[in-house]
Amino acid sequence: MKNILVLCTGNSCRSQILHGYLQQLLGSQTTVYSAGIETHGLNPRAVRVMAEDGVDISHHTSNHVDEYAAVPFDLIITVCDHANEVCPVFPATARRLHHSFPDPAKATGSEEVVLAEFRRVRDQLKAYAQQLA
């Protein structure tokens, strides 16, 4: 595979985390992109929990899926139900996978509780990335 797109609603947490792990696991053989149906900005907690696991996503940007309309994707992965339902049509050559993960940005409580949820979802996304790689 040459081009992979990870798609989520806001391209702030889940898609960014999976993007980071896939890029790390697949290296230079694949270009990984992430985008959202909307753009909510890169979530600083996602950056933090990824750094705890040795993956730097601080340079990532929150991109809108329309920015990649001309990219010939081999694989499109949706990581939330909303993105799966409203995903734009891409060329039929792109294989699609869907797996819905909880949105850690919706976690409430103390900073410790919220970060625990980010770590839990991060670990789920890491396991998924390892299955794909």
C-alpha atoms as a PDB file:
ATOM      1  CA  MET A   1       0.000   0.000   0.000  1.00  0.00           C
ATOM      2  CA  LYS A   2       1.198   3.457  -0.818  1.00  0.00           C
ATOM      3  CA  ASN A   3      -1.423   5.878   0.516  1.00  0.00           C
ATOM      4  CA  ILE A   4      -3.588   5.396   3.600  1.00  0.00           C
ATOM      5  CA  LEU A   5      -6.214   7.847   4.855  1.00  0.00           C
ATOM      6  CA  VAL A   6      -7.440   7.721   8.457  1.00  0.00           C
ATOM      7  CA  LEU A   7     -10.747   9.539   8.711  1.00  0.00           C
ATOM      8  CA  CYS A   8     -12.670  10.775  11.740  1.00  0.00           C
ATOM      9  CA  THR A   9     -15.143  13.526  12.539  1.00  0.00           C
ATOM     10  CA  GLY A  10     -12.802  16.303  13.673  1.00  0.00           C
ATOM     11  CA  ASN A  11      -9.276  14.996  12.970  1.00  0.00           C
ATOM     12  CA  SER A  12      -8.193  15.937  16.481  1.00  0.00           C
ATOM     13  CA  CYS A  13      -7.732  12.694  18.477  1.00  0.00           C
ATOM     14  CA  ARG A  14      -8.539   9.213  17.178  1.00  0.00           C
ATOM     15  CA  SER A  15      -7.471   9.689  13.560  1.00  0.00           C
ATOM     16  CA  GLN A  16      -4.327  11.520  14.689  1.00  0.00           C
ATOM     17  CA  ILE A  17      -3.347   8.724  17.078  1.00  0.00           C
ATOM     18  CA  LEU A  18      -3.883   5.975  14.492  1.00  0.00           C
ATOM     19  CA  HIS A  19      -2.026   8.083  11.907  1.00  0.00           C
ATOM     20  CA  GLY A  20       0.952   8.264  14.279  1.00  0.00           C
ATOM     21  CA  TYR A  21       1.042   4.539  14.947  1.00  0.00           C
ATOM     22  CA  LEU A  22       0.582   3.514  11.311  1.00  0.00           C
ATOM     23  CA  GLN A  23       3.336   5.879  10.193  1.00  0.00           C
ATOM     24  CA  GLN A  24       5.633   4.447  12.849  1.00  0.00           C
ATOM     25  CA  LEU A  25       4.814   0.824  12.003  1.00  0.00           C
ATOM     26  CA  LEU A  26       4.798   1.114   8.198  1.00  0.00           C
ATOM     27  CA  GLY A  27       7.661   3.579   7.855  1.00  0.00           C
ATOM     28  CA  SER A  28       8.701   4.985   4.523  1.00  0.00           C
ATOM     29  CA  GLN A  29       6.915   2.307   2.471  1.00  0.00           C
ATOM     30  CA  THR A  30       3.575   4.051   3.012  1.00  0.00           C
ATOM     31  CA  THR A  31       2.326   7.617   3.268  1.00  0.00           C
ATOM     32  CA  VAL A  32      -0.296   7.995   5.970  1.00  0.00           C
ATOM     33  CA  TYR A  33      -2.730  10.897   5.960  1.00  0.00           C
ATOM     34  CA  SER A  34      -5.420  11.775   8.463  1.00  0.00           C
ATOM     35  CA  ALA A  35      -8.390  14.038   7.979  1.00  0.00           C
ATOM     36  CA  GLY A  36     -11.795  14.902   9.309  1.00  0.00           C
ATOM     37  CA  ILE A  37     -15.242  15.610   8.007  1.00  0.00           C
ATOM     38  CA  GLU A  38     -14.663  18.812  10.018  1.00  0.00           C
ATOM     39  CA  THR A  39     -11.442  20.200  11.515  1.00  0.00           C
ATOM     40  CA  HIS A  40     -11.253  20.661  15.278  1.00  0.00           C
ATOM     41  CA  GLY A  41      -7.497  21.195  15.647  1.00  0.00           C
ATOM     42  CA  LEU A  42      -4.950  18.791  17.075  1.00  0.00           C
ATOM     43  CA  ASN A  43      -5.917  17.870  20.635  1.00  0.00           C
ATOM     44  CA  PRO A  44      -3.022  18.546  23.057  1.00  0.00           C
ATOM     45  CA  ARG A  45      -3.978  15.533  25.169  1.00  0.00           C
ATOM     46  CA  ALA A  46      -3.616  13.269  22.125  1.00  0.00           C
ATOM     47  CA  VAL A  47      -0.136  14.723  21.586  1.00  0.00           C
ATOM     48  CA  ARG A  48       0.684  14.138  25.259  1.00  0.00           C
ATOM     49  CA  VAL A  49      -0.419  10.504  25.489  1.00  0.00           C
ATOM     50  CA  MET A  50       1.316   9.658  22.220  1.00  0.00           C
ATOM     51  CA  ALA A  51       4.551  11.249  23.493  1.00  0.00           C
ATOM     52  CA  GLU A  52       4.237   9.042  26.586  1.00  0.00           C
ATOM     53  CA  ASP A  53       4.371   6.068  24.202  1.00  0.00           C
ATOM     54  CA  GLY A  54       7.310   7.464  22.237  1.00  0.00           C
ATOM     55  CA  VAL A  55       5.409   8.737  19.174  1.00  0.00           C
ATOM     56  CA  ASP A  56       5.638  12.424  18.297  1.00  0.00           C
ATOM     57  CA  ILE A  57       2.501  13.726  16.584  1.00  0.00           C
ATOM     58  CA  SER A  58       3.044  17.348  17.643  1.00  0.00           C
ATOM     59  CA  HIS A  59       3.817  18.317  14.037  1.00  0.00           C
ATOM     60  CA  HIS A  60       0.490  16.932  12.741  1.00  0.00           C
ATOM     61  CA  THR A  61      -2.199  19.301  11.524  1.00  0.00           C
ATOM     62  CA  SER A  62      -5.964  18.961  11.550  1.00  0.00           C
ATOM     63  CA  ASN A  63      -6.991  18.612   7.908  1.00  0.00           C
ATOM     64  CA  HIS A  64     -10.316  18.506   6.097  1.00  0.00           C
ATOM     65  CA  VAL A  65     -10.932  15.447   3.918  1.00  0.00           C
ATOM     66  CA  ASP A  66     -11.520  17.659   0.869  1.00  0.00           C
ATOM     67  CA  GLU A  67      -7.831  18.630   0.939  1.00  0.00           C
ATOM     68  CA  TYR A  68      -6.975  15.100  -0.198  1.00  0.00           C
ATOM     69  CA  ALA A  69      -9.530  14.677  -2.982  1.00  0.00           C
ATOM     70  CA  ALA A  70      -6.780  14.204  -5.590  1.00  0.00           C
ATOM     71  CA  VAL A  71      -4.742  11.639  -3.617  1.00  0.00           C
ATOM     72  CA  PRO A  72      -5.106   8.061  -4.917  1.00  0.00           C
ATOM     73  CA  PHE A  73      -5.744   6.206  -1.663  1.00  0.00           C
ATOM     74  CA  ASP A  74      -5.218   2.459  -1.434  1.00  0.00           C
ATOM     75  CA  LEU A  75      -6.902   2.202   1.961  1.00  0.00           C
ATOM     76  CA  ILE A  76      -9.368   4.440   3.810  1.00  0.00           C
ATOM     77  CA  ILE A  77      -9.928   3.716   7.505  1.00  0.00           C
ATOM     78  CA  THR A  78     -12.792   5.354   9.357  1.00  0.00           C
ATOM     79  CA  VAL A  79     -12.441   5.352  13.140  1.00  0.00           C
ATOM     80  CA  CYS A  80     -15.839   6.720  14.151  1.00  0.00           C
ATOM     81  CA  ASP A  81     -19.390   6.000  13.043  1.00  0.00           C
ATOM     82  CA  HIS A  82     -20.118   9.593  11.995  1.00  0.00           C
ATOM     83  CA  ALA A  83     -17.179   9.688   9.578  1.00  0.00           C
ATOM     84  CA  ASN A  84     -18.145   6.284   8.213  1.00  0.00           C
ATOM     85  CA  GLU A  85     -21.702   7.434   7.536  1.00  0.00           C
ATOM     86  CA  VAL A  86     -20.783  10.702   5.822  1.00  0.00           C
ATOM     87  CA  CYS A  87     -17.475   9.717   4.234  1.00  0.00           C
ATOM     88  CA  PRO A  88     -17.195  11.243   0.779  1.00  0.00           C
ATOM     89  CA  VAL A  89     -17.010   8.975  -2.205  1.00  0.00           C
ATOM     90  CA  PHE A  90     -13.490   8.026  -3.200  1.00  0.00           C
ATOM     91  CA  PRO A  91     -12.433   6.029  -6.258  1.00  0.00           C
ATOM     92  CA  ALA A  92     -13.575   2.421  -6.187  1.00  0.00           C
ATOM     93  CA  THR A  93      -9.966   1.240  -6.082  1.00  0.00           C
ATOM     94  CA  ALA A  94      -9.639   2.340  -2.445  1.00  0.00           C
ATOM     95  CA  ARG A  95     -10.347  -0.411   0.053  1.00  0.00           C
ATOM     96  CA  ARG A  96     -12.363   0.730   3.079  1.00  0.00           C
ATOM     97  CA  LEU A  97     -12.192  -0.428   6.673  1.00  0.00           C
ATOM     98  CA  HIS A  98     -14.284   0.784   9.579  1.00  0.00           C
ATOM     99  CA  HIS A  99     -13.795   0.399  13.300  1.00  0.00           C
ATOM    100  CA  SER A 100     -15.502   2.749  15.727  1.00  0.00           C
ATOM    101  CA  PHE A 101     -13.477   3.870  18.734  1.00  0.00           C
ATOM    102  CA  PRO A 102     -14.738   5.933  21.694  1.00  0.00           C
ATOM    103  CA  ASP A 103     -14.016   9.658  21.503  1.00  0.00           C
ATOM    104  CA  PRO A 104     -11.637  10.502  24.367  1.00  0.00           C
ATOM    105  CA  ALA A 105     -12.322  14.212  23.864  1.00  0.00           C
ATOM    106  CA  LYS A 106     -15.798  13.599  25.287  1.00  0.00           C
ATOM    107  CA  ALA A 107     -14.404  12.302  28.582  1.00  0.00           C
ATOM    108  CA  THR A 108     -15.342  14.312  31.652  1.00  0.00           C
ATOM    109  CA  GLY A 109     -13.951  14.554  35.143  1.00  0.00           C
ATOM    110  CA  SER A 110     -10.592  15.465  36.563  1.00  0.00           C
ATOM    111  CA  GLU A 111      -7.560  15.834  34.314  1.00  0.00           C
ATOM    112  CA  GLU A 112      -6.376  12.469  35.617  1.00  0.00           C
ATOM    113  CA  VAL A 113      -9.665  10.784  34.634  1.00  0.00           C
ATOM    114  CA  VAL A 114      -9.679  12.394  31.186  1.00  0.00           C
ATOM    115  CA  LEU A 115      -6.051  11.438  30.522  1.00  0.00           C
ATOM    116  CA  ALA A 116      -6.825   7.862  31.589  1.00  0.00           C
ATOM    117  CA  GLU A 117      -9.521   7.749  28.899  1.00  0.00           C
ATOM    118  CA  PHE A 118      -7.106   9.136  26.297  1.00  0.00           C
ATOM    119  CA  ARG A 119      -4.600   6.429  27.251  1.00  0.00           C
ATOM    120  CA  ARG A 120      -7.259   3.710  27.088  1.00  0.00           C
ATOM    121  CA  VAL A 121      -8.358   4.759  23.599  1.00  0.00           C
ATOM    122  CA  ARG A 122      -4.711   5.223  22.540  1.00  0.00           C
ATOM    123  CA  ASP A 123      -3.986   1.640  23.540  1.00  0.00           C
ATOM    124  CA  GLN A 124      -7.009   0.374  21.567  1.00  0.00           C
ATOM    125  CA  LEU A 125      -5.845   2.288  18.489  1.00  0.00           C
ATOM    126  CA  LYS A 126      -2.289   0.985  18.905  1.00  0.00           C
ATOM    127  CA  ALA A 127      -3.529  -2.621  18.994  1.00  0.00           C
ATOM    128  CA  TYR A 128      -5.635  -1.956  15.876  1.00  0.00           C
ATOM    129  CA  ALA A 129      -2.641  -0.421  14.077  1.00  0.00           C
ATOM    130  CA  GLN A 130      -0.540  -3.465  14.933  1.00  0.00           C
ATOM    131  CA  GLN A 131      -3.208  -5.746  13.435  1.00  0.00           C
ATOM    132  CA  LEU A 132      -3.212  -3.697  10.232  1.00  0.00           C
ATOM    133  CA  ALA A 133       0.562  -3.467   9.838  1.00  0.00           C
END
